[in-house]
Amino acid sequence: MTQPNENTKEHLKKRGIDPATLDDEVIKKFNLFLKHELDKADDLGAALMADPSLDDHKRISAVH
């Protein structure tokens, strides 16, 4: 099992997500992000969640 690094742990904890519930490949991808990159992703996520014109599918699609 892939262990999350400290930045990944902090990022997931803020969202109430237990890293053990995520696939190893997801944790590996999260672990590649630097702290400032996760902060930018947070900002983008907040903007997407606040946009009332988007449904969940469009929110997810916007970051793919």
PDB file of N, CA and C in Angstrom:
ATOM      1  N   MET A   1       0.844  -1.185   0.000  1.00  0.00           N
ATOM      2  CA  MET A   1       0.000   0.000   0.000  1.00  0.00           C
ATOM      3  C   MET A   1       0.888   1.247   0.000  1.00  0.00           C
ATOM      4  N   THR A   2       0.580   2.172  -0.884  1.00  0.00           N
ATOM      5  CA  THR A   2       1.309   3.432  -0.981  1.00  0.00           C
ATOM      6  C   THR A   2       0.897   4.348   0.169  1.00  0.00           C
ATOM      7  N   GLN A   3       1.882   4.908   0.837  1.00  0.00           N
ATOM      8  CA  GLN A   3       1.622   5.816   1.952  1.00  0.00           C
ATOM      9  C   GLN A   3       1.597   7.258   1.445  1.00  0.00           C
ATOM     10  N   PRO A   4       0.654   8.054   1.926  1.00  0.00           N
ATOM     11  CA  PRO A   4       0.611   9.458   1.534  1.00  0.00           C
ATOM     12  C   PRO A   4       1.729  10.243   2.209  1.00  0.00           C
ATOM     13  N   ASN A   5       2.300  11.203   1.481  1.00  0.00           N
ATOM     14  CA  ASN A   5       3.284  12.082   2.103  1.00  0.00           C
ATOM     15  C   ASN A   5       2.545  13.114   2.958  1.00  0.00           C
ATOM     16  N   GLU A   6       3.290  13.954   3.659  1.00  0.00           N
ATOM     17  CA  GLU A   6       2.671  14.908   4.587  1.00  0.00           C
ATOM     18  C   GLU A   6       1.741  15.895   3.878  1.00  0.00           C
ATOM     19  N   ASN A   7       2.124  16.368   2.693  1.00  0.00           N
ATOM     20  CA  ASN A   7       1.255  17.294   1.958  1.00  0.00           C
ATOM     21  C   ASN A   7      -0.061  16.634   1.568  1.00  0.00           C
ATOM     22  N   THR A   8       0.026  15.386   1.141  1.00  0.00           N
ATOM     23  CA  THR A   8      -1.180  14.644   0.763  1.00  0.00           C
ATOM     24  C   THR A   8      -2.059  14.408   1.985  1.00  0.00           C
ATOM     25  N   LYS A   9      -1.451  14.006   3.084  1.00  0.00           N
ATOM     26  CA  LYS A   9      -2.225  13.784   4.316  1.00  0.00           C
ATOM     27  C   LYS A   9      -2.981  15.043   4.718  1.00  0.00           C
ATOM     28  N   GLU A  10      -2.285  16.187   4.708  1.00  0.00           N
ATOM     29  CA  GLU A  10      -2.913  17.451   5.095  1.00  0.00           C
ATOM     30  C   GLU A  10      -4.056  17.809   4.150  1.00  0.00           C
ATOM     31  N   HIS A  11      -3.813  17.658   2.858  1.00  0.00           N
ATOM     32  CA  HIS A  11      -4.826  17.976   1.847  1.00  0.00           C
ATOM     33  C   HIS A  11      -6.086  17.129   2.051  1.00  0.00           C
ATOM     34  N   LEU A  12      -5.910  15.841   2.247  1.00  0.00           N
ATOM     35  CA  LEU A  12      -7.053  14.946   2.403  1.00  0.00           C
ATOM     36  C   LEU A  12      -7.746  15.144   3.751  1.00  0.00           C
ATOM     37  N   LYS A  13      -6.973  15.402   4.792  1.00  0.00           N
ATOM     38  CA  LYS A  13      -7.557  15.610   6.115  1.00  0.00           C
ATOM     39  C   LYS A  13      -8.502  16.802   6.112  1.00  0.00           C
ATOM     40  N   LYS A  14      -8.114  17.894   5.405  1.00  0.00           N
ATOM     41  CA  LYS A  14      -8.967  19.082   5.314  1.00  0.00           C
ATOM     42  C   LYS A  14     -10.333  18.743   4.736  1.00  0.00           C
ATOM     43  N   ARG A  15     -10.380  17.703   3.923  1.00  0.00           N
ATOM     44  CA  ARG A  15     -11.615  17.321   3.254  1.00  0.00           C
ATOM     45  C   ARG A  15     -12.316  16.145   3.918  1.00  0.00           C
ATOM     46  N   GLY A  16     -11.758  15.662   5.006  1.00  0.00           N
ATOM     47  CA  GLY A  16     -12.368  14.543   5.713  1.00  0.00           C
ATOM     48  C   GLY A  16     -12.249  13.229   4.968  1.00  0.00           C
ATOM     49  N   ILE A  17     -11.186  13.083   4.174  1.00  0.00           N
ATOM     50  CA  ILE A  17     -10.996  11.870   3.383  1.00  0.00           C
ATOM     51  C   ILE A  17      -9.889  11.029   4.007  1.00  0.00           C
ATOM     52  N   ASP A  18     -10.195   9.802   4.324  1.00  0.00           N
ATOM     53  CA  ASP A  18      -9.213   8.867   4.852  1.00  0.00           C
ATOM     54  C   ASP A  18      -8.390   8.345   3.678  1.00  0.00           C
ATOM     55  N   PRO A  19      -7.068   8.569   3.679  1.00  0.00           N
ATOM     56  CA  PRO A  19      -6.234   8.099   2.572  1.00  0.00           C
ATOM     57  C   PRO A  19      -6.353   6.595   2.323  1.00  0.00           C
ATOM     58  N   ALA A  20      -6.663   5.842   3.362  1.00  0.00           N
ATOM     59  CA  ALA A  20      -6.790   4.387   3.224  1.00  0.00           C
ATOM     60  C   ALA A  20      -7.962   3.993   2.326  1.00  0.00           C
ATOM     61  N   THR A  21      -8.886   4.928   2.096  1.00  0.00           N
ATOM     62  CA  THR A  21     -10.042   4.623   1.241  1.00  0.00           C
ATOM     63  C   THR A  21      -9.756   4.872  -0.235  1.00  0.00           C
ATOM     64  N   LEU A  22      -8.567   5.418  -0.530  1.00  0.00           N
ATOM     65  CA  LEU A  22      -8.210   5.724  -1.916  1.00  0.00           C
ATOM     66  C   LEU A  22      -7.261   4.681  -2.486  1.00  0.00           C
ATOM     67  N   ASP A  23      -7.389   4.453  -3.757  1.00  0.00           N
ATOM     68  CA  ASP A  23      -6.538   3.522  -4.481  1.00  0.00           C
ATOM     69  C   ASP A  23      -5.076   3.983  -4.428  1.00  0.00           C
ATOM     70  N   ASP A  24      -4.164   3.034  -4.444  1.00  0.00           N
ATOM     71  CA  ASP A  24      -2.729   3.352  -4.439  1.00  0.00           C
ATOM     72  C   ASP A  24      -2.345   4.323  -5.551  1.00  0.00           C
ATOM     73  N   GLU A  25      -2.907   4.148  -6.728  1.00  0.00           N
ATOM     74  CA  GLU A  25      -2.574   5.025  -7.851  1.00  0.00           C
ATOM     75  C   GLU A  25      -2.996   6.469  -7.577  1.00  0.00           C
ATOM     76  N   VAL A  26      -4.111   6.652  -6.880  1.00  0.00           N
ATOM     77  CA  VAL A  26      -4.560   8.001  -6.541  1.00  0.00           C
ATOM     78  C   VAL A  26      -3.585   8.631  -5.550  1.00  0.00           C
ATOM     79  N   ILE A  27      -3.171   7.880  -4.539  1.00  0.00           N
ATOM     80  CA  ILE A  27      -2.210   8.388  -3.562  1.00  0.00           C
ATOM     81  C   ILE A  27      -0.889   8.717  -4.245  1.00  0.00           C
ATOM     82  N   LYS A  28      -0.430   7.858  -5.145  1.00  0.00           N
ATOM     83  CA  LYS A  28       0.814   8.127  -5.869  1.00  0.00           C
ATOM     84  C   LYS A  28       0.735   9.438  -6.635  1.00  0.00           C
ATOM     85  N   LYS A  29      -0.396   9.683  -7.262  1.00  0.00           N
ATOM     86  CA  LYS A  29      -0.574  10.932  -8.027  1.00  0.00           C
ATOM     87  C   LYS A  29      -0.607  12.142  -7.099  1.00  0.00           C
ATOM     88  N   PHE A  30      -1.325  12.031  -5.980  1.00  0.00           N
ATOM     89  CA  PHE A  30      -1.346  13.120  -5.001  1.00  0.00           C
ATOM     90  C   PHE A  30       0.059  13.409  -4.493  1.00  0.00           C
ATOM     91  N   ASN A  31       0.830  12.377  -4.230  1.00  0.00           N
ATOM     92  CA  ASN A  31       2.174  12.546  -3.681  1.00  0.00           C
ATOM     93  C   ASN A  31       3.112  13.300  -4.612  1.00  0.00           C
ATOM     94  N   LEU A  32       2.776  13.382  -5.885  1.00  0.00           N
ATOM     95  CA  LEU A  32       3.606  14.105  -6.853  1.00  0.00           C
ATOM     96  C   LEU A  32       3.472  15.626  -6.738  1.00  0.00           C
ATOM     97  N   PHE A  33       2.370  16.080  -6.143  1.00  0.00           N
ATOM     98  CA  PHE A  33       2.125  17.515  -6.029  1.00  0.00           C
ATOM     99  C   PHE A  33       2.944  18.123  -4.903  1.00  0.00           C
ATOM    100  N   LEU A  34       3.505  19.303  -5.180  1.00  0.00           N
ATOM    101  CA  LEU A  34       4.156  20.091  -4.144  1.00  0.00           C
ATOM    102  C   LEU A  34       3.086  20.856  -3.369  1.00  0.00           C
ATOM    103  N   LYS A  35       3.432  21.331  -2.186  1.00  0.00           N
ATOM    104  CA  LYS A  35       2.467  22.036  -1.330  1.00  0.00           C
ATOM    105  C   LYS A  35       1.813  23.199  -2.070  1.00  0.00           C
ATOM    106  N   HIS A  36       2.600  24.032  -2.736  1.00  0.00           N
ATOM    107  CA  HIS A  36       2.005  25.190  -3.418  1.00  0.00           C
ATOM    108  C   HIS A  36       1.104  24.761  -4.579  1.00  0.00           C
ATOM    109  N   GLU A  37       1.368  23.609  -5.169  1.00  0.00           N
ATOM    110  CA  GLU A  37       0.502  23.109  -6.241  1.00  0.00           C
ATOM    111  C   GLU A  37      -0.833  22.628  -5.667  1.00  0.00           C
ATOM    112  N   LEU A  38      -0.795  21.979  -4.517  1.00  0.00           N
ATOM    113  CA  LEU A  38      -2.043  21.566  -3.871  1.00  0.00           C
ATOM    114  C   LEU A  38      -2.852  22.788  -3.436  1.00  0.00           C
ATOM    115  N   ASP A  39      -2.157  23.841  -3.002  1.00  0.00           N
ATOM    116  CA  ASP A  39      -2.856  25.082  -2.642  1.00  0.00           C
ATOM    117  C   ASP A  39      -3.575  25.674  -3.848  1.00  0.00           C
ATOM    118  N   LYS A  40      -2.934  25.647  -5.005  1.00  0.00           N
ATOM    119  CA  LYS A  40      -3.578  26.139  -6.232  1.00  0.00           C
ATOM    120  C   LYS A  40      -4.767  25.258  -6.611  1.00  0.00           C
ATOM    121  N   ALA A  41      -4.612  23.955  -6.430  1.00  0.00           N
ATOM    122  CA  ALA A  41      -5.728  23.040  -6.706  1.00  0.00           C
ATOM    123  C   ALA A  41      -6.892  23.329  -5.766  1.00  0.00           C
ATOM    124  N   ASP A  42      -6.584  23.656  -4.510  1.00  0.00           N
ATOM    125  CA  ASP A  42      -7.632  24.043  -3.553  1.00  0.00           C
ATOM    126  C   ASP A  42      -8.396  25.264  -4.048  1.00  0.00           C
ATOM    127  N   ASP A  43      -7.651  26.262  -4.518  1.00  0.00           N
ATOM    128  CA  ASP A  43      -8.284  27.486  -5.020  1.00  0.00           C
ATOM    129  C   ASP A  43      -9.190  27.187  -6.211  1.00  0.00           C
ATOM    130  N   LEU A  44      -8.704  26.355  -7.114  1.00  0.00           N
ATOM    131  CA  LEU A  44      -9.504  25.977  -8.279  1.00  0.00           C
ATOM    132  C   LEU A  44     -10.749  25.207  -7.842  1.00  0.00           C
ATOM    133  N   GLY A  45     -10.569  24.259  -6.941  1.00  0.00           N
ATOM    134  CA  GLY A  45     -11.710  23.476  -6.444  1.00  0.00           C
ATOM    135  C   GLY A  45     -12.750  24.357  -5.785  1.00  0.00           C
ATOM    136  N   ALA A  46     -12.316  25.319  -4.989  1.00  0.00           N
ATOM    137  CA  ALA A  46     -13.249  26.223  -4.321  1.00  0.00           C
ATOM    138  C   ALA A  46     -14.034  27.043  -5.352  1.00  0.00           C
ATOM    139  N   ALA A  47     -13.351  27.517  -6.381  1.00  0.00           N
ATOM    140  CA  ALA A  47     -14.027  28.291  -7.424  1.00  0.00           C
ATOM    141  C   ALA A  47     -15.036  27.438  -8.173  1.00  0.00           C
ATOM    142  N   LEU A  48     -14.659  26.207  -8.471  1.00  0.00           N
ATOM    143  CA  LEU A  48     -15.584  25.313  -9.174  1.00  0.00           C
ATOM    144  C   LEU A  48     -16.794  24.977  -8.309  1.00  0.00           C
ATOM    145  N   MET A  49     -16.565  24.712  -7.023  1.00  0.00           N
ATOM    146  CA  MET A  49     -17.674  24.369  -6.135  1.00  0.00           C
ATOM    147  C   MET A  49     -18.612  25.554  -5.923  1.00  0.00           C
ATOM    148  N   ALA A  50     -18.079  26.766  -5.984  1.00  0.00           N
ATOM    149  CA  ALA A  50     -18.888  27.965  -5.767  1.00  0.00           C
ATOM    150  C   ALA A  50     -19.672  28.391  -7.004  1.00  0.00           C
ATOM    151  N   ASP A  51     -19.358  27.834  -8.154  1.00  0.00           N
ATOM    152  CA  ASP A  51     -20.031  28.223  -9.394  1.00  0.00           C
ATOM    153  C   ASP A  51     -21.373  27.504  -9.492  1.00  0.00           C
ATOM    154  N   PRO A  52     -22.468  28.218  -9.288  1.00  0.00           N
ATOM    155  CA  PRO A  52     -23.788  27.571  -9.293  1.00  0.00           C
ATOM    156  C   PRO A  52     -24.229  27.070 -10.665  1.00  0.00           C
ATOM    157  N   SER A  53     -23.536  27.485 -11.712  1.00  0.00           N
ATOM    158  CA  SER A  53     -23.939  27.056 -13.051  1.00  0.00           C
ATOM    159  C   SER A  53     -23.409  25.659 -13.390  1.00  0.00           C
ATOM    160  N   LEU A  54     -22.557  25.097 -12.523  1.00  0.00           N
ATOM    161  CA  LEU A  54     -21.949  23.798 -12.808  1.00  0.00           C
ATOM    162  C   LEU A  54     -22.583  22.685 -11.988  1.00  0.00           C
ATOM    163  N   ASP A  55     -22.825  21.551 -12.645  1.00  0.00           N
ATOM    164  CA  ASP A  55     -23.217  20.362 -11.896  1.00  0.00           C
ATOM    165  C   ASP A  55     -21.934  19.580 -11.572  1.00  0.00           C
ATOM    166  N   ASP A  56     -22.054  18.509 -10.797  1.00  0.00           N
ATOM    167  CA  ASP A  56     -20.868  17.759 -10.376  1.00  0.00           C
ATOM    168  C   ASP A  56     -20.065  17.230 -11.557  1.00  0.00           C
ATOM    169  N   HIS A  57     -20.743  16.774 -12.585  1.00  0.00           N
ATOM    170  CA  HIS A  57     -20.045  16.244 -13.762  1.00  0.00           C
ATOM    171  C   HIS A  57     -19.163  17.320 -14.403  1.00  0.00           C
ATOM    172  N   LYS A  58     -19.710  18.529 -14.550  1.00  0.00           N
ATOM    173  CA  LYS A  58     -18.927  19.607 -15.160  1.00  0.00           C
ATOM    174  C   LYS A  58     -17.767  20.021 -14.259  1.00  0.00           C
ATOM    175  N   ARG A  59     -17.973  19.992 -12.953  1.00  0.00           N
ATOM    176  CA  ARG A  59     -16.886  20.334 -12.016  1.00  0.00           C
ATOM    177  C   ARG A  59     -15.729  19.365 -12.175  1.00  0.00           C
ATOM    178  N   ILE A  60     -16.047  18.082 -12.253  1.00  0.00           N
ATOM    179  CA  ILE A  60     -15.007  17.062 -12.424  1.00  0.00           C
ATOM    180  C   ILE A  60     -14.357  17.204 -13.809  1.00  0.00           C
ATOM    181  N   SER A  61     -15.168  17.388 -14.813  1.00  0.00           N
ATOM    182  CA  SER A  61     -14.647  17.491 -16.190  1.00  0.00           C
ATOM    183  C   SER A  61     -13.737  18.697 -16.362  1.00  0.00           C
ATOM    184  N   ALA A  62     -13.979  19.744 -15.625  1.00  0.00           N
ATOM    185  CA  ALA A  62     -13.172  20.956 -15.757  1.00  0.00           C
ATOM    186  C   ALA A  62     -11.717  20.729 -15.372  1.00  0.00           C
ATOM    187  N   VAL A  63     -11.442  19.744 -14.557  1.00  0.00           N
ATOM    188  CA  VAL A  63     -10.052  19.494 -14.123  1.00  0.00           C
ATOM    189  C   VAL A  63      -9.422  18.306 -14.829  1.00  0.00           C
ATOM    190  N   HIS A  64     -10.078  17.762 -15.790  1.00  0.00           N
ATOM    191  CA  HIS A  64      -9.492  16.654 -16.562  1.00  0.00           C
ATOM    192  C   HIS A  64      -8.821  17.155 -17.804  1.00  0.00           C
TER     193      HIS A  64
END
